[in-house]
N, C-alpha and C. Protein backbone atom coordinates (compact mmCIF):
# COMPACT_ATOMS: atom_id res chain seq x y z
N MET A 1 0.85 -1.18 0.00
CA MET A 1 0.00 0.00 0.00
C MET A 1 0.89 1.24 0.00
N LYS A 2 0.47 2.23 -0.74
CA LYS A 2 1.26 3.46 -0.83
C LYS A 2 1.11 4.26 0.46
N LYS A 3 2.09 5.12 0.68
CA LYS A 3 2.11 5.94 1.88
C LYS A 3 0.87 6.85 1.94
N GLY A 4 0.50 7.46 0.81
CA GLY A 4 -0.68 8.35 0.77
C GLY A 4 -1.96 7.60 1.05
N THR A 5 -2.05 6.38 0.55
CA THR A 5 -3.25 5.56 0.78
C THR A 5 -3.35 5.19 2.26
N LYS A 6 -2.21 4.86 2.87
CA LYS A 6 -2.21 4.54 4.30
C LYS A 6 -2.68 5.72 5.14
N ILE A 7 -2.27 6.92 4.76
CA ILE A 7 -2.68 8.12 5.49
C ILE A 7 -4.18 8.32 5.37
N VAL A 8 -4.69 8.18 4.14
CA VAL A 8 -6.13 8.37 3.91
C VAL A 8 -6.92 7.31 4.69
N VAL A 9 -6.48 6.07 4.62
CA VAL A 9 -7.16 4.99 5.36
C VAL A 9 -7.09 5.26 6.86
N GLY A 10 -5.96 5.74 7.34
CA GLY A 10 -5.81 6.08 8.75
C GLY A 10 -6.74 7.20 9.17
N ILE A 11 -6.84 8.23 8.34
CA ILE A 11 -7.72 9.36 8.65
C ILE A 11 -9.18 8.91 8.65
N VAL A 12 -9.57 8.15 7.64
CA VAL A 12 -10.95 7.65 7.56
C VAL A 12 -11.25 6.76 8.76
N GLY A 13 -10.31 5.90 9.11
CA GLY A 13 -10.48 5.03 10.28
C GLY A 13 -10.63 5.83 11.56
N ALA A 14 -9.81 6.87 11.69
CA ALA A 14 -9.88 7.72 12.88
C ALA A 14 -11.22 8.44 12.96
N VAL A 15 -11.70 8.92 11.80
CA VAL A 15 -13.01 9.60 11.78
C VAL A 15 -14.11 8.63 12.17
N PHE A 16 -14.09 7.42 11.60
CA PHE A 16 -15.10 6.42 11.95
C PHE A 16 -15.02 6.05 13.43
N ALA A 17 -13.81 5.89 13.94
CA ALA A 17 -13.65 5.56 15.36
C ALA A 17 -14.20 6.69 16.23
N PHE A 18 -13.89 7.94 15.87
CA PHE A 18 -14.39 9.08 16.62
C PHE A 18 -15.91 9.10 16.62
N LEU A 19 -16.51 8.93 15.44
CA LEU A 19 -17.96 8.95 15.33
C LEU A 19 -18.60 7.80 16.10
N PHE A 20 -17.97 6.63 16.02
CA PHE A 20 -18.48 5.47 16.75
C PHE A 20 -18.51 5.74 18.26
N PHE A 21 -17.40 6.23 18.80
CA PHE A 21 -17.33 6.48 20.24
C PHE A 21 -18.23 7.64 20.65
N LYS A 22 -18.39 8.63 19.77
CA LYS A 22 -19.30 9.74 20.07
C LYS A 22 -20.73 9.23 20.16
N ILE A 23 -21.14 8.40 19.21
CA ILE A 23 -22.50 7.84 19.23
C ILE A 23 -22.68 6.91 20.42
N LEU A 24 -21.66 6.13 20.72
CA LEU A 24 -21.72 5.23 21.87
C LEU A 24 -21.87 6.03 23.16
N PHE A 25 -21.12 7.11 23.30
CA PHE A 25 -21.22 7.97 24.48
C PHE A 25 -22.62 8.56 24.60
N GLU A 26 -23.17 9.05 23.49
CA GLU A 26 -24.53 9.62 23.50
C GLU A 26 -25.56 8.56 23.85
N LEU A 27 -25.38 7.35 23.36
CA LEU A 27 -26.29 6.25 23.67
C LEU A 27 -26.27 5.94 25.16
N VAL A 28 -25.09 5.88 25.72
CA VAL A 28 -24.97 5.62 27.16
C VAL A 28 -25.60 6.76 27.96
N THR A 29 -25.35 8.00 27.55
CA THR A 29 -25.92 9.15 28.24
C THR A 29 -27.44 9.13 28.19
N VAL A 30 -28.00 8.88 27.03
CA VAL A 30 -29.46 8.83 26.87
C VAL A 30 -30.04 7.68 27.68
N THR A 31 -29.37 6.55 27.70
CA THR A 31 -29.85 5.40 28.47
C THR A 31 -29.86 5.72 29.96
N LEU A 32 -28.82 6.37 30.44
CA LEU A 32 -28.77 6.75 31.86
C LEU A 32 -29.89 7.74 32.20
N LYS A 33 -30.11 8.71 31.31
CA LYS A 33 -31.20 9.67 31.54
C LYS A 33 -32.55 8.98 31.53
N LYS A 34 -32.73 8.04 30.58
CA LYS A 34 -33.98 7.29 30.50
C LYS A 34 -34.22 6.50 31.79
N ASN A 35 -33.19 5.84 32.28
CA ASN A 35 -33.32 5.06 33.52
C ASN A 35 -33.66 5.96 34.71
N ALA A 36 -33.04 7.13 34.76
CA ALA A 36 -33.34 8.07 35.85
C ALA A 36 -34.79 8.54 35.76
N LEU A 37 -35.25 8.83 34.54
CA LEU A 37 -36.63 9.26 34.36
C LEU A 37 -37.62 8.15 34.71
N LEU A 38 -37.29 6.91 34.34
CA LEU A 38 -38.17 5.79 34.70
C LEU A 38 -38.25 5.63 36.22
N LYS A 39 -37.12 5.84 36.89
CA LYS A 39 -37.12 5.77 38.35
C LYS A 39 -37.97 6.90 38.94
N ASP A 40 -37.85 8.10 38.37
CA ASP A 40 -38.68 9.23 38.82
C ASP A 40 -40.15 8.94 38.60
N ILE A 41 -40.48 8.35 37.46
CA ILE A 41 -41.88 8.01 37.17
C ILE A 41 -42.40 7.00 38.19
N GLN A 42 -41.60 6.00 38.51
CA GLN A 42 -42.01 5.01 39.50
C GLN A 42 -42.23 5.65 40.86
N THR A 43 -41.34 6.55 41.26
CA THR A 43 -41.49 7.25 42.53
C THR A 43 -42.75 8.09 42.54
N LEU A 44 -43.01 8.79 41.44
CA LEU A 44 -44.22 9.62 41.36
C LEU A 44 -45.48 8.76 41.39
N LYS A 45 -45.45 7.60 40.75
CA LYS A 45 -46.61 6.70 40.80
C LYS A 45 -46.86 6.22 42.22
N GLN A 46 -45.79 5.94 42.95
CA GLN A 46 -45.93 5.52 44.35
C GLN A 46 -46.50 6.66 45.19
N ASP A 47 -46.02 7.89 44.94
CA ASP A 47 -46.54 9.05 45.66
C ASP A 47 -48.02 9.26 45.37
N ILE A 48 -48.41 9.08 44.12
CA ILE A 48 -49.82 9.22 43.74
C ILE A 48 -50.66 8.16 44.45
N SER A 49 -50.15 6.94 44.48
CA SER A 49 -50.88 5.86 45.15
C SER A 49 -51.05 6.16 46.64
N LYS A 50 -49.99 6.64 47.27
CA LYS A 50 -50.07 7.00 48.69
C LYS A 50 -51.08 8.13 48.90
N GLY A 51 -51.05 9.11 47.99
CA GLY A 51 -52.00 10.23 48.08
C GLY A 51 -53.44 9.77 47.91
N GLU A 52 -53.66 8.87 46.96
CA GLU A 52 -55.01 8.33 46.75
C GLU A 52 -55.48 7.57 47.98
N LEU A 53 -54.61 6.76 48.57
CA LEU A 53 -54.96 6.02 49.78
C LEU A 53 -55.28 6.97 50.92
N ARG A 54 -54.47 8.02 51.06
CA ARG A 54 -54.72 9.01 52.12
C ARG A 54 -56.04 9.71 51.88
N LYS A 55 -56.32 10.06 50.63
CA LYS A 55 -57.58 10.72 50.30
C LYS A 55 -58.77 9.84 50.67
N GLN A 56 -58.69 8.56 50.31
CA GLN A 56 -59.79 7.64 50.64
C GLN A 56 -59.95 7.51 52.15
N THR A 57 -58.82 7.45 52.86
CA THR A 57 -58.88 7.35 54.32
C THR A 57 -59.55 8.57 54.92
N ILE A 58 -59.19 9.75 54.41
CA ILE A 58 -59.76 11.00 54.92
C ILE A 58 -61.25 11.06 54.62
N TYR A 59 -61.65 10.73 53.40
CA TYR A 59 -63.06 10.80 53.04
C TYR A 59 -63.91 9.83 53.85
N ASN A 60 -63.32 8.72 54.26
CA ASN A 60 -64.07 7.71 55.01
C ASN A 60 -63.96 7.87 56.52
N ASP A 61 -63.24 8.87 56.98
CA ASP A 61 -63.05 9.08 58.42
C ASP A 61 -63.78 10.35 58.83
N ALA A 62 -65.00 10.16 59.37
CA ALA A 62 -65.83 11.31 59.77
C ALA A 62 -65.15 12.12 60.87
N GLY A 63 -64.44 11.45 61.76
CA GLY A 63 -63.75 12.15 62.84
C GLY A 63 -62.68 13.10 62.32
N TYR A 64 -61.96 12.67 61.29
CA TYR A 64 -60.93 13.53 60.71
C TYR A 64 -61.56 14.76 60.07
N VAL A 65 -62.63 14.53 59.31
CA VAL A 65 -63.31 15.64 58.65
C VAL A 65 -63.83 16.62 59.70
N GLU A 66 -64.39 16.11 60.79
CA GLU A 66 -64.90 16.97 61.85
C GLU A 66 -63.77 17.77 62.50
N ASP A 67 -62.65 17.11 62.77
CA ASP A 67 -61.50 17.81 63.37
C ASP A 67 -61.01 18.94 62.47
N VAL A 68 -60.93 18.68 61.18
CA VAL A 68 -60.48 19.72 60.25
C VAL A 68 -61.48 20.87 60.23
N ALA A 69 -62.76 20.54 60.21
CA ALA A 69 -63.79 21.58 60.20
C ALA A 69 -63.70 22.44 61.44
N ARG A 70 -63.43 21.84 62.56
CA ARG A 70 -63.33 22.60 63.82
C ARG A 70 -62.04 23.43 63.87
N GLN A 71 -60.91 22.81 63.56
CA GLN A 71 -59.63 23.47 63.73
C GLN A 71 -59.33 24.50 62.64
N LYS A 72 -59.57 24.14 61.40
CA LYS A 72 -59.18 25.02 60.30
C LYS A 72 -60.28 26.00 59.91
N LEU A 73 -61.53 25.57 60.06
CA LEU A 73 -62.63 26.42 59.62
C LEU A 73 -63.37 27.08 60.78
N GLY A 74 -63.07 26.65 62.01
CA GLY A 74 -63.70 27.25 63.17
C GLY A 74 -65.18 26.90 63.31
N LEU A 75 -65.62 25.80 62.74
CA LEU A 75 -67.02 25.41 62.81
C LEU A 75 -67.32 24.75 64.15
N VAL A 76 -68.58 24.87 64.58
CA VAL A 76 -69.04 24.25 65.82
C VAL A 76 -70.35 23.53 65.55
N LYS A 77 -70.68 22.60 66.41
CA LYS A 77 -71.95 21.88 66.30
C LYS A 77 -73.06 22.74 66.90
N ASP A 78 -74.28 22.48 66.46
CA ASP A 78 -75.43 23.17 67.04
C ASP A 78 -75.47 22.91 68.54
N GLY A 79 -75.69 23.96 69.31
CA GLY A 79 -75.79 23.85 70.76
C GLY A 79 -74.47 24.00 71.48
N GLU A 80 -73.36 24.01 70.80
CA GLU A 80 -72.07 24.20 71.45
C GLU A 80 -71.81 25.68 71.68
N THR A 81 -71.07 25.97 72.74
CA THR A 81 -70.70 27.34 73.03
C THR A 81 -69.21 27.50 72.77
N VAL A 82 -68.85 28.57 72.08
CA VAL A 82 -67.45 28.83 71.75
C VAL A 82 -66.91 29.87 72.71
N PHE A 83 -65.77 29.57 73.30
CA PHE A 83 -65.08 30.51 74.17
C PHE A 83 -63.81 30.96 73.47
N VAL A 84 -63.59 32.27 73.43
CA VAL A 84 -62.39 32.82 72.83
C VAL A 84 -61.53 33.38 73.95
N ILE A 85 -60.34 32.86 74.09
CA ILE A 85 -59.43 33.30 75.16
C ILE A 85 -58.45 34.30 74.55
N THR A 86 -58.37 35.44 75.17
CA THR A 86 -57.45 36.47 74.71
C THR A 86 -56.36 36.67 75.75
N ASP A 87 -55.36 37.48 75.40
CA ASP A 87 -54.26 37.71 76.34
C ASP A 87 -54.60 38.83 77.32
N GLY A 88 -55.73 39.46 77.20
CA GLY A 88 -56.17 40.50 78.14
C GLY A 88 -55.67 41.89 77.81
N LYS A 89 -54.81 42.03 76.84
CA LYS A 89 -54.30 43.35 76.47
C LYS A 89 -55.29 44.03 75.57
N LYS A 90 -55.46 45.33 75.80
CA LYS A 90 -56.37 46.10 74.97
C LYS A 90 -55.61 46.63 73.75
N LYS A 91 -56.28 46.62 72.63
CA LYS A 91 -55.68 47.18 71.44
C LYS A 91 -55.91 48.66 71.40
N LYS A 92 -54.93 49.39 70.91
CA LYS A 92 -55.05 50.85 70.84
C LYS A 92 -55.69 51.26 69.56
């Protein structure tokens, strides 16, 4: 083989090797990202399942609903008396 032909073959081989490793690197990178996203999806599905279970528990627990109504909304049952305790300081 002539010297010029060897150089051309070497350059072409180097270009192909570079492109091969570049594509291989991108494939590995994309695969790692895909696996991370699949793991995130699985975690989110588990979170959704836990949230759905909690929602069902809350909807089926009258005591919880009553506690929330009393504490967060300040609601009282008919016939109950509400006492408001203040610190005794007068506002100016």
